PDB file of N, CA and C in Angstrom:
ATOM      1  N   MET A   1      83.980  85.568  80.924  1.00  0.00           N
ATOM      2  CA  MET A   1      83.447  86.860  81.306  1.00  0.00           C
ATOM      3  C   MET A   1      84.385  87.480  82.344  1.00  0.00           C
ATOM      4  N   SER A   2      84.762  88.714  82.146  1.00  0.00           N
ATOM      5  CA  SER A   2      85.673  89.378  83.080  1.00  0.00           C
ATOM      6  C   SER A   2      84.877  90.071  84.183  1.00  0.00           C
ATOM      7  N   GLU A   3      85.505  90.147  85.362  1.00  0.00           N
ATOM      8  CA  GLU A   3      84.851  90.808  86.481  1.00  0.00           C
ATOM      9  C   GLU A   3      84.898  92.322  86.288  1.00  0.00           C
ATOM     10  N   ALA A   4      83.848  92.980  86.719  1.00  0.00           N
ATOM     11  CA  ALA A   4      83.823  94.442  86.646  1.00  0.00           C
ATOM     12  C   ALA A   4      84.860  95.001  87.613  1.00  0.00           C
ATOM     13  N   LYS A   5      85.572  95.999  87.153  1.00  0.00           N
ATOM     14  CA  LYS A   5      86.577  96.634  88.001  1.00  0.00           C
ATOM     15  C   LYS A   5      85.898  97.498  89.046  1.00  0.00           C
ATOM     16  N   GLU A   6      86.410  97.423  90.270  1.00  0.00           N
ATOM     17  CA  GLU A   6      85.857  98.225  91.357  1.00  0.00           C
ATOM     18  C   GLU A   6      86.162  99.699  91.110  1.00  0.00           C
ATOM     19  N   LYS A   7      85.161 100.531  91.328  1.00  0.00           N
ATOM     20  CA  LYS A   7      85.329 101.974  91.164  1.00  0.00           C
ATOM     21  C   LYS A   7      86.263 102.494  92.254  1.00  0.00           C
ATOM     22  N   PRO A   8      87.222 103.351  91.910  1.00  0.00           N
ATOM     23  CA  PRO A   8      88.152 103.876  92.923  1.00  0.00           C
ATOM     24  C   PRO A   8      87.429 104.712  93.981  1.00  0.00           C
ATOM     25  N   VAL A   9      87.900 104.610  95.214  1.00  0.00           N
ATOM     26  CA  VAL A   9      87.367 105.427  96.303  1.00  0.00           C
ATOM     27  C   VAL A   9      87.868 106.857  96.097  1.00  0.00           C
ATOM     28  N   ALA A  10      86.951 107.802  96.126  1.00  0.00           N
ATOM     29  CA  ALA A  10      87.308 109.206  95.901  1.00  0.00           C
ATOM     30  C   ALA A  10      88.078 109.773  97.089  1.00  0.00           C
ATOM     31  N   SER A  11      88.963 110.678  96.787  1.00  0.00           N
ATOM     32  CA  SER A  11      89.714 111.365  97.833  1.00  0.00           C
ATOM     33  C   SER A  11      88.771 112.232  98.663  1.00  0.00           C
ATOM     34  N   PRO A  12      88.956 112.257  99.975  1.00  0.00           N
ATOM     35  CA  PRO A  12      88.128 113.119 100.817  1.00  0.00           C
ATOM     36  C   PRO A  12      88.606 114.573 100.851  1.00  0.00           C
ATOM     37  N   CYS A  13      89.594 114.911 100.049  1.00  0.00           N
ATOM     38  CA  CYS A  13      90.142 116.265 100.030  1.00  0.00           C
ATOM     39  C   CYS A  13      89.043 117.284  99.723  1.00  0.00           C
ATOM     40  N   VAL A  14      89.016 118.370 100.494  1.00  0.00           N
ATOM     41  CA  VAL A  14      88.053 119.450 100.281  1.00  0.00           C
ATOM     42  C   VAL A  14      88.761 120.761  99.925  1.00  0.00           C
ATOM     43  N   SER A  15      90.021 120.651  99.522  1.00  0.00           N
ATOM     44  CA  SER A  15      90.833 121.798  99.093  1.00  0.00           C
ATOM     45  C   SER A  15      91.008 122.851 100.184  1.00  0.00           C
ATOM     46  N   VAL A  16      91.054 122.399 101.428  1.00  0.00           N
ATOM     47  CA  VAL A  16      91.400 123.250 102.562  1.00  0.00           C
ATOM     48  C   VAL A  16      92.634 122.603 103.167  1.00  0.00           C
ATOM     49  N   CYS A  17      93.753 122.799 102.510  1.00  0.00           N
ATOM     50  CA  CYS A  17      94.968 122.051 102.842  1.00  0.00           C
ATOM     51  C   CYS A  17      95.844 122.835 103.809  1.00  0.00           C
ATOM     52  N   ALA A  18      95.664 122.540 105.083  1.00  0.00           N
ATOM     53  CA  ALA A  18      96.486 123.139 106.132  1.00  0.00           C
ATOM     54  C   ALA A  18      96.650 122.096 107.221  1.00  0.00           C
ATOM     55  N   LEU A  19      97.862 121.950 107.717  1.00  0.00           N
ATOM     56  CA  LEU A  19      98.135 120.955 108.747  1.00  0.00           C
ATOM     57  C   LEU A  19      98.143 121.593 110.126  1.00  0.00           C
ATOM     58  N   ASP A  20      97.595 120.866 111.101  1.00  0.00           N
ATOM     59  CA  ASP A  20      97.656 121.336 112.479  1.00  0.00           C
ATOM     60  C   ASP A  20      98.981 120.905 113.107  1.00  0.00           C
ATOM     61  N   ASP A  21      99.128 121.103 114.400  1.00  0.00           N
ATOM     62  CA  ASP A  21     100.376 120.774 115.099  1.00  0.00           C
ATOM     63  C   ASP A  21     100.690 119.285 115.111  1.00  0.00           C
ATOM     64  N   GLU A  22      99.682 118.451 114.841  1.00  0.00           N
ATOM     65  CA  GLU A  22      99.876 116.999 114.823  1.00  0.00           C
ATOM     66  C   GLU A  22      99.972 116.459 113.399  1.00  0.00           C
ATOM     67  N   ASP A  23     100.182 117.342 112.415  1.00  0.00           N
ATOM     68  CA  ASP A  23     100.249 116.978 110.996  1.00  0.00           C
ATOM     69  C   ASP A  23      98.971 116.311 110.499  1.00  0.00           C
ATOM     70  N   ILE A  24      97.834 116.816 110.966  1.00  0.00           N
ATOM     71  CA  ILE A  24      96.523 116.384 110.492  1.00  0.00           C
ATOM     72  C   ILE A  24      95.939 117.535 109.684  1.00  0.00           C
ATOM     73  N   CYS A  25      95.440 117.221 108.491  1.00  0.00           N
ATOM     74  CA  CYS A  25      94.847 118.250 107.642  1.00  0.00           C
ATOM     75  C   CYS A  25      93.562 118.769 108.284  1.00  0.00           C
ATOM     76  N   THR A  26      93.424 120.087 108.356  1.00  0.00           N
ATOM     77  CA  THR A  26      92.239 120.685 108.960  1.00  0.00           C
ATOM     78  C   THR A  26      91.035 120.673 108.016  1.00  0.00           C
ATOM     79  N   GLY A  27      91.237 120.232 106.786  1.00  0.00           N
ATOM     80  CA  GLY A  27      90.127 120.123 105.838  1.00  0.00           C
ATOM     81  C   GLY A  27      89.537 118.730 105.770  1.00  0.00           C
ATOM     82  N   CYS A  28      90.406 117.717 105.594  1.00  0.00           N
ATOM     83  CA  CYS A  28      89.910 116.346 105.415  1.00  0.00           C
ATOM     84  C   CYS A  28      90.233 115.423 106.584  1.00  0.00           C
ATOM     85  N   TYR A  29      91.046 115.886 107.521  1.00  0.00           N
ATOM     86  CA  TYR A  29      91.406 115.149 108.739  1.00  0.00           C
ATOM     87  C   TYR A  29      92.230 113.894 108.488  1.00  0.00           C
ATOM     88  N   ARG A  30      92.893 113.850 107.335  1.00  0.00           N
ATOM     89  CA  ARG A  30      93.862 112.779 107.112  1.00  0.00           C
ATOM     90  C   ARG A  30      95.213 113.246 107.630  1.00  0.00           C
ATOM     91  N   SER A  31      96.041 112.268 108.005  1.00  0.00           N
ATOM     92  CA  SER A  31      97.402 112.606 108.425  1.00  0.00           C
ATOM     93  C   SER A  31      98.237 112.931 107.190  1.00  0.00           C
ATOM     94  N   LEU A  32      99.356 113.579 107.419  1.00  0.00           N
ATOM     95  CA  LEU A  32     100.262 113.897 106.319  1.00  0.00           C
ATOM     96  C   LEU A  32     100.675 112.623 105.588  1.00  0.00           C
ATOM     97  N   ASN A  33     100.972 111.562 106.328  1.00  0.00           N
ATOM     98  CA  ASN A  33     101.346 110.292 105.698  1.00  0.00           C
ATOM     99  C   ASN A  33     100.201 109.704 104.887  1.00  0.00           C
ATOM    100  N   GLU A  34      98.987 109.777 105.414  1.00  0.00           N
ATOM    101  CA  GLU A  34      97.833 109.243 104.684  1.00  0.00           C
ATOM    102  C   GLU A  34      97.608 110.008 103.388  1.00  0.00           C
ATOM    103  N   ILE A  35      97.794 111.308 103.421  1.00  0.00           N
ATOM    104  CA  ILE A  35      97.643 112.120 102.208  1.00  0.00           C
ATOM    105  C   ILE A  35      98.692 111.711 101.178  1.00  0.00           C
ATOM    106  N   GLY A  36      99.936 111.587 101.622  1.00  0.00           N
ATOM    107  CA  GLY A  36     101.020 111.232 100.713  1.00  0.00           C
ATOM    108  C   GLY A  36     100.898 109.838 100.143  1.00  0.00           C
ATOM    109  N   ASP A  37     100.340 108.921 100.921  1.00  0.00           N
ATOM    110  CA  ASP A  37     100.224 107.525 100.491  1.00  0.00           C
ATOM    111  C   ASP A  37      98.942 107.228  99.726  1.00  0.00           C
ATOM    112  N   TRP A  38      98.007 108.163  99.685  1.00  0.00           N
ATOM    113  CA  TRP A  38      96.668 107.929  99.149  1.00  0.00           C
ATOM    114  C   TRP A  38      96.682 107.278  97.766  1.00  0.00           C
ATOM    115  N   SER A  39      97.431 107.791  96.844  1.00  0.00           N
ATOM    116  CA  SER A  39      97.378 107.273  95.469  1.00  0.00           C
ATOM    117  C   SER A  39      97.873 105.836  95.356  1.00  0.00           C
ATOM    118  N   GLY A  40      98.658 105.372  96.306  1.00  0.00           N
ATOM    119  CA  GLY A  40      99.148 104.004  96.278  1.00  0.00           C
ATOM    120  C   GLY A  40      98.320 103.029  97.098  1.00  0.00           C
ATOM    121  N   MET A  41      97.286 103.525  97.759  1.00  0.00           N
ATOM    122  CA  MET A  41      96.447 102.666  98.608  1.00  0.00           C
ATOM    123  C   MET A  41      95.408 101.928  97.773  1.00  0.00           C
ATOM    124  N   ASP A  42      95.066 100.715  98.222  1.00  0.00           N
ATOM    125  CA  ASP A  42      93.943 100.026  97.593  1.00  0.00           C
ATOM    126  C   ASP A  42      92.645 100.577  98.202  1.00  0.00           C
ATOM    127  N   ASN A  43      91.518 100.219  97.597  1.00  0.00           N
ATOM    128  CA  ASN A  43      90.240 100.771  98.046  1.00  0.00           C
ATOM    129  C   ASN A  43      89.925 100.434  99.499  1.00  0.00           C
ATOM    130  N   ALA A  44      90.280  99.238  99.942  1.00  0.00           N
ATOM    131  CA  ALA A  44      90.005  98.856 101.332  1.00  0.00           C
ATOM    132  C   ALA A  44      90.748  99.780 102.292  1.00  0.00           C
ATOM    133  N   ARG A  45      92.007 100.046 102.000  1.00  0.00           N
ATOM    134  CA  ARG A  45      92.797 100.934 102.866  1.00  0.00           C
ATOM    135  C   ARG A  45      92.257 102.361 102.806  1.00  0.00           C
ATOM    136  N   LYS A  46      91.843 102.817 101.629  1.00  0.00           N
ATOM    137  CA  LYS A  46      91.273 104.160 101.511  1.00  0.00           C
ATOM    138  C   LYS A  46      90.023 104.292 102.372  1.00  0.00           C
ATOM    139  N   ARG A  47      89.179 103.256 102.374  1.00  0.00           N
ATOM    140  CA  ARG A  47      87.978 103.299 103.212  1.00  0.00           C
ATOM    141  C   ARG A  47      88.352 103.354 104.693  1.00  0.00           C
ATOM    142  N   GLU A  48      89.383 102.617 105.088  1.00  0.00           N
ATOM    143  CA  GLU A  48      89.859 102.660 106.478  1.00  0.00           C
ATOM    144  C   GLU A  48      90.325 104.067 106.850  1.00  0.00           C
ATOM    145  N   VAL A  49      91.063 104.694 105.946  1.00  0.00           N
ATOM    146  CA  VAL A  49      91.573 106.045 106.204  1.00  0.00           C
ATOM    147  C   VAL A  49      90.419 107.035 106.334  1.00  0.00           C
ATOM    148  N   ILE A  50      89.399 106.895 105.512  1.00  0.00           N
ATOM    149  CA  ILE A  50      88.238 107.784 105.603  1.00  0.00           C
ATOM    150  C   ILE A  50      87.542 107.610 106.951  1.00  0.00           C
ATOM    151  N   ILE A  51      87.425 106.379 107.417  1.00  0.00           N
ATOM    152  CA  ILE A  51      86.827 106.131 108.731  1.00  0.00           C
ATOM    153  C   ILE A  51      87.667 106.786 109.823  1.00  0.00           C
ATOM    154  N   LEU A  52      88.982 106.615 109.754  1.00  0.00           N
ATOM    155  CA  LEU A  52      89.870 107.238 110.742  1.00  0.00           C
ATOM    156  C   LEU A  52      89.752 108.759 110.711  1.00  0.00           C
ATOM    157  N   ALA A  53      89.698 109.330 109.509  1.00  0.00           N
ATOM    158  CA  ALA A  53      89.579 110.784 109.378  1.00  0.00           C
ATOM    159  C   ALA A  53      88.259 111.271 109.982  1.00  0.00           C
ATOM    160  N   ASN A  54      87.180 110.536 109.736  1.00  0.00           N
ATOM    161  CA  ASN A  54      85.887 110.907 110.320  1.00  0.00           C
ATOM    162  C   ASN A  54      85.931 110.829 111.839  1.00  0.00           C
ATOM    163  N   GLN A  55      86.608 109.824 112.371  1.00  0.00           N
ATOM    164  CA  GLN A  55      86.753 109.705 113.824  1.00  0.00           C
ATOM    165  C   GLN A  55      87.547 110.880 114.390  1.00  0.00           C
ATOM    166  N   ARG A  56      88.588 111.293 113.687  1.00  0.00           N
ATOM    167  CA  ARG A  56      89.378 112.448 114.141  1.00  0.00           C
ATOM    168  C   ARG A  56      88.517 113.709 114.183  1.00  0.00           C
ATOM    169  N   CYS A  57      87.725 113.886 113.147  1.00  0.00           N
ATOM    170  CA  CYS A  57      86.853 115.063 113.086  1.00  0.00           C
ATOM    171  C   CYS A  57      85.843 115.039 114.231  1.00  0.00           C
ATOM    172  N   ARG A  58      85.201 113.897 114.457  1.00  0.00           N
ATOM    173  CA  ARG A  58      84.216 113.787 115.540  1.00  0.00           C
ATOM    174  C   ARG A  58      84.851 113.998 116.905  1.00  0.00           C
ATOM    175  N   SER A  59      86.079 113.497 117.087  1.00  0.00           N
ATOM    176  CA  SER A  59      86.725 113.669 118.392  1.00  0.00           C
ATOM    177  C   SER A  59      87.071 115.133 118.642  1.00  0.00           C
ATOM    178  N   ARG A  60      87.282 115.869 117.576  1.00  0.00           N
ATOM    179  CA  ARG A  60      87.606 117.286 117.714  1.00  0.00           C
ATOM    180  C   ARG A  60      86.357 118.145 117.850  1.00  0.00           C
ATOM    181  N   TYR A  61      85.323 117.852 117.058  1.00  0.00           N
ATOM    182  CA  TYR A  61      84.154 118.727 116.986  1.00  0.00           C
ATOM    183  C   TYR A  61      82.848 118.093 117.446  1.00  0.00           C
ATOM    184  N   GLY A  62      82.841 116.796 117.734  1.00  0.00           N
ATOM    185  CA  GLY A  62      81.607 116.115 118.126  1.00  0.00           C
ATOM    186  C   GLY A  62      80.781 115.741 116.910  1.00  0.00           C
ATOM    187  N   ASP A  63      79.650 115.103 117.155  1.00  0.00           N
ATOM    188  CA  ASP A  63      78.754 114.700 116.067  1.00  0.00           C
ATOM    189  C   ASP A  63      77.933 115.896 115.610  1.00  0.00           C
ATOM    190  N   PHE A  64      77.644 115.916 114.321  1.00  0.00           N
ATOM    191  CA  PHE A  64      76.829 116.996 113.760  1.00  0.00           C
ATOM    192  C   PHE A  64      75.397 116.533 113.512  1.00  0.00           C
ATOM    193  N   GLY A  65      75.070 115.286 113.936  1.00  0.00           N
ATOM    194  CA  GLY A  65      73.781 114.671 113.659  1.00  0.00           C
ATOM    195  C   GLY A  65      72.657 115.354 114.304  1.00  0.00           C
TER     196      GLY A  65
END
């Protein structure tokens, strides 16, 4: 019996592609390098990048909870 393949982690891109002065996307809060490397990342790394992007957003705008 073969193992089920893990579903790919979806890109956090929201089609608001503009970089700030620190090369962070103002739409998804990924760095330019993270955006460029996304397709070659495994799911674990993609989840790490999403966590980092969320932290960047919260540090800039605070929690929305």
